[in-house]
Amino acid sequence: MNRLFNYLKNIRFFTKVLIILGIGTFLLSFISILIWGNPFVKNMIFESMDSKKLQIEKRHIPSGVENKLNWYVNELILGPLSERNKLLFPHGTKVLSCFVSNDVLYLDLSEEALLQTGISSETKTGYELLIKNIKRNFSNIKQVNVFMMGNEVYKTDTEKPMEYKKTVDKTESTVYLINTRLHQNT
């Protein structure tokens, strides 16, 4: 330690300042990654095929991606990397629209999200995991409104009475869709 101080005494002031700034920048970056996590690494939670336990996968968002939320949602819909984890929704499910307004994510999925397959979670479980994943990875999102075929699904926290429409998909499973409008001013 004494050797370090002797070395620093002999270095010019400008060089000392540069060394201190470099070390400070490194420590600040390191501490911010420890506290807030790497912004380019996101966790994805999927249901296990073998049990009802949840499994976590890490995904690295490419640095050139402009809209990280859209990229994340599309990757989530594509499904897990592990073959032993279930898809949130069946193969073929597409994101029809995905946008944020006033800290609320509006997400519309294609009709394939309503189908039931052995390799995907049940529709309600997929919906719940979708919301859990988004809220855990994007702290700026306060609410997630999910639509399937233009109808909002599983909404329970509304002041207005909801009108339910019973829809039967191709595999005879029943899903209750709520007929609400995204924009009330129309």
Protein backbone atom coordinates (compact mmCIF):
# COMPACT_ATOMS: atom_id res chain seq x y z
CA MET A 1 0.00 0.00 0.00
CA ASN A 2 2.88 2.32 0.86
CA ARG A 3 4.37 1.56 -2.54
CA LEU A 4 1.15 2.69 -4.23
CA PHE A 5 1.19 6.02 -2.39
CA ASN A 6 4.83 6.61 -3.35
CA TYR A 7 3.96 5.87 -6.98
CA LEU A 8 1.02 8.30 -6.89
CA LYS A 9 3.22 11.06 -5.43
CA ASN A 10 5.48 10.91 -8.47
CA ILE A 11 2.65 11.08 -11.07
CA ARG A 12 1.57 14.44 -12.41
CA PHE A 13 -1.71 15.93 -11.20
CA PHE A 14 -3.49 15.53 -14.56
CA THR A 15 -2.63 11.84 -14.73
CA LYS A 16 -3.88 11.36 -11.15
CA VAL A 17 -7.20 12.94 -12.05
CA LEU A 18 -7.59 10.68 -15.10
CA ILE A 19 -6.83 7.55 -13.06
CA ILE A 20 -9.28 8.55 -10.33
CA LEU A 21 -12.02 9.34 -12.91
CA GLY A 22 -11.44 5.99 -14.63
CA ILE A 23 -11.68 4.05 -11.38
CA GLY A 24 -14.75 6.06 -10.34
CA THR A 25 -16.52 5.42 -13.65
CA PHE A 26 -15.78 1.70 -13.41
CA LEU A 27 -17.08 1.49 -9.83
CA LEU A 28 -20.21 3.49 -10.67
CA SER A 29 -20.97 1.21 -13.65
CA PHE A 30 -20.33 -1.91 -11.60
CA ILE A 31 -22.56 -0.75 -8.73
CA SER A 32 -25.39 0.31 -11.08
CA ILE A 33 -25.36 -3.12 -12.77
CA LEU A 34 -25.49 -4.79 -9.34
CA ILE A 35 -28.40 -2.63 -8.20
CA TRP A 36 -30.51 -2.34 -11.37
CA GLY A 37 -29.25 -5.31 -13.36
CA ASN A 38 -27.95 -5.41 -16.88
CA PRO A 39 -30.49 -3.62 -19.10
CA PHE A 40 -29.70 -5.99 -21.96
CA VAL A 41 -30.43 -9.19 -19.98
CA LYS A 42 -34.06 -10.05 -19.27
CA ASN A 43 -35.59 -13.01 -17.47
CA MET A 44 -38.43 -15.05 -18.91
CA ILE A 45 -40.62 -17.28 -16.77
CA PHE A 46 -42.21 -20.38 -18.30
CA GLU A 47 -44.18 -23.31 -16.92
CA SER A 48 -42.35 -26.65 -16.79
CA MET A 49 -43.69 -29.58 -18.86
CA ASP A 50 -42.76 -32.02 -16.11
CA SER A 51 -44.43 -30.22 -13.21
CA LYS A 52 -46.38 -27.08 -12.43
CA LYS A 53 -43.15 -25.38 -11.32
CA LEU A 54 -41.98 -22.21 -13.02
CA GLN A 55 -38.63 -22.11 -14.81
CA ILE A 56 -36.56 -18.99 -15.52
CA GLU A 57 -34.61 -18.41 -18.72
CA LYS A 58 -32.30 -15.47 -19.36
CA ARG A 59 -32.30 -13.71 -22.72
CA HIS A 60 -29.80 -11.17 -23.96
CA ILE A 61 -31.38 -8.33 -25.93
CA PRO A 62 -29.15 -7.39 -28.88
CA SER A 63 -27.64 -3.94 -28.40
CA GLY A 64 -28.99 -2.60 -31.73
CA VAL A 65 -32.66 -3.21 -30.81
CA GLU A 66 -34.53 0.10 -30.58
CA ASN A 67 -37.77 -1.06 -28.93
CA LYS A 68 -36.70 -3.50 -26.24
CA LEU A 69 -40.26 -4.05 -24.99
CA ASN A 70 -41.55 -5.12 -28.43
CA TRP A 71 -38.53 -7.40 -28.89
CA TYR A 72 -39.11 -8.92 -25.44
CA VAL A 73 -42.85 -9.54 -26.02
CA ASN A 74 -42.16 -11.19 -29.39
CA GLU A 75 -39.48 -13.43 -27.85
CA LEU A 76 -41.84 -14.32 -25.01
CA ILE A 77 -44.57 -15.31 -27.46
CA LEU A 78 -42.09 -17.39 -29.50
CA GLY A 79 -41.51 -19.43 -26.36
CA PRO A 80 -38.77 -20.99 -24.27
CA LEU A 81 -35.39 -22.19 -25.46
CA SER A 82 -35.68 -25.35 -23.37
CA GLU A 83 -37.80 -28.15 -24.79
CA ARG A 84 -38.89 -29.03 -21.24
CA ASN A 85 -40.76 -25.74 -20.75
CA LYS A 86 -44.21 -24.95 -22.10
CA LEU A 87 -44.98 -22.13 -24.52
CA LEU A 88 -47.12 -19.36 -23.05
CA PHE A 89 -49.42 -19.64 -26.07
CA PRO A 90 -49.55 -22.18 -28.93
CA HIS A 91 -47.29 -22.01 -31.98
CA GLY A 92 -48.60 -19.56 -34.55
CA THR A 93 -49.64 -16.93 -31.98
CA LYS A 94 -48.68 -13.49 -33.27
CA VAL A 95 -48.47 -10.06 -31.72
CA LEU A 96 -50.97 -7.98 -33.71
CA SER A 97 -50.17 -4.76 -31.86
CA CYS A 98 -48.02 -3.71 -28.94
CA PHE A 99 -47.76 -0.14 -27.67
CA VAL A 100 -47.43 1.81 -24.42
CA SER A 101 -49.55 4.80 -23.45
CA ASN A 102 -49.34 6.45 -20.00
CA ASP A 103 -47.37 3.52 -18.50
CA VAL A 104 -50.00 1.03 -19.74
CA LEU A 105 -49.04 -1.67 -22.23
CA TYR A 106 -51.73 -2.56 -24.76
CA LEU A 107 -51.06 -5.94 -26.32
CA ASP A 108 -53.27 -7.62 -28.92
CA LEU A 109 -52.61 -11.28 -29.75
CA SER A 110 -53.92 -13.34 -32.66
CA GLU A 111 -56.69 -15.93 -32.29
CA GLU A 112 -54.16 -18.76 -32.03
CA ALA A 113 -53.57 -17.66 -28.43
CA LEU A 114 -56.98 -19.15 -27.56
CA LEU A 115 -56.14 -22.66 -28.79
CA GLN A 116 -55.09 -25.35 -26.33
CA THR A 117 -52.18 -27.66 -27.08
CA GLY A 118 -50.17 -30.05 -24.94
CA ILE A 119 -47.00 -28.02 -25.36
CA SER A 120 -48.48 -24.69 -24.25
CA SER A 121 -49.83 -23.44 -20.94
CA GLU A 122 -53.57 -23.09 -20.48
CA THR A 123 -54.78 -19.76 -21.83
CA LYS A 124 -55.33 -18.15 -18.41
CA THR A 125 -51.95 -19.40 -17.11
CA GLY A 126 -50.22 -18.08 -20.25
CA TYR A 127 -51.96 -14.74 -19.76
CA GLU A 128 -50.87 -14.53 -16.12
CA LEU A 129 -47.27 -15.47 -16.94
CA LEU A 130 -47.20 -12.94 -19.78
CA ILE A 131 -48.17 -10.15 -17.39
CA LYS A 132 -45.80 -11.37 -14.67
CA ASN A 133 -42.88 -11.45 -17.14
CA ILE A 134 -43.55 -7.96 -18.49
CA LYS A 135 -44.02 -6.32 -15.09
CA ARG A 136 -40.89 -7.94 -13.64
CA ASN A 137 -38.67 -6.91 -16.52
CA PHE A 138 -40.04 -3.45 -17.33
CA SER A 139 -40.61 -1.42 -14.16
CA ASN A 140 -42.03 1.51 -16.15
CA ILE A 141 -45.08 -0.60 -17.13
CA LYS A 142 -47.73 -0.18 -14.43
CA GLN A 143 -50.54 -2.09 -16.14
CA VAL A 144 -50.84 -4.61 -18.97
CA ASN A 145 -54.06 -4.84 -21.00
CA VAL A 146 -54.11 -8.00 -23.10
CA PHE A 147 -56.47 -8.39 -26.03
CA MET A 148 -57.09 -11.49 -28.11
CA MET A 149 -58.75 -10.93 -31.46
CA GLY A 150 -59.49 -7.36 -30.38
CA ASN A 151 -61.31 -8.35 -27.16
CA GLU A 152 -59.82 -7.62 -23.75
CA VAL A 153 -59.37 -10.81 -21.70
CA TYR A 154 -59.58 -11.65 -17.99
CA LYS A 155 -60.06 -8.03 -16.88
CA THR A 156 -61.37 -7.89 -13.32
CA ASP A 157 -60.42 -4.46 -11.99
CA THR A 158 -62.88 -2.18 -13.75
CA GLU A 159 -65.56 0.13 -12.42
CA LYS A 160 -67.94 -0.41 -15.32
CA PRO A 161 -70.00 -3.59 -15.60
CA MET A 162 -68.55 -5.96 -18.17
CA GLU A 163 -70.42 -7.66 -20.97
CA TYR A 164 -69.20 -11.23 -21.46
CA LYS A 165 -69.21 -13.05 -24.76
CA LYS A 166 -68.66 -16.81 -24.71
CA THR A 167 -66.32 -17.98 -27.45
CA VAL A 168 -65.50 -21.60 -28.23
CA ASP A 169 -62.22 -22.26 -29.98
CA LYS A 170 -61.35 -25.10 -32.35
CA THR A 171 -60.45 -27.51 -29.52
CA GLU A 172 -63.75 -27.00 -27.69
CA SER A 173 -62.23 -25.14 -24.73
CA THR A 174 -64.13 -22.09 -23.49
CA VAL A 175 -62.69 -18.64 -22.98
CA TYR A 176 -64.61 -15.65 -21.71
CA LEU A 177 -63.83 -12.47 -23.58
CA ILE A 178 -64.80 -9.05 -22.37
CA ASN A 179 -66.21 -6.67 -24.92
CA THR A 180 -64.60 -3.35 -24.14
CA ARG A 181 -63.28 -0.62 -26.37
CA LEU A 182 -59.68 0.42 -26.29
CA HIS A 183 -60.62 4.04 -26.96
CA GLN A 184 -63.80 5.15 -25.23
CA ASN A 185 -64.04 8.39 -27.22
CA THR A 186 -65.09 6.73 -30.48
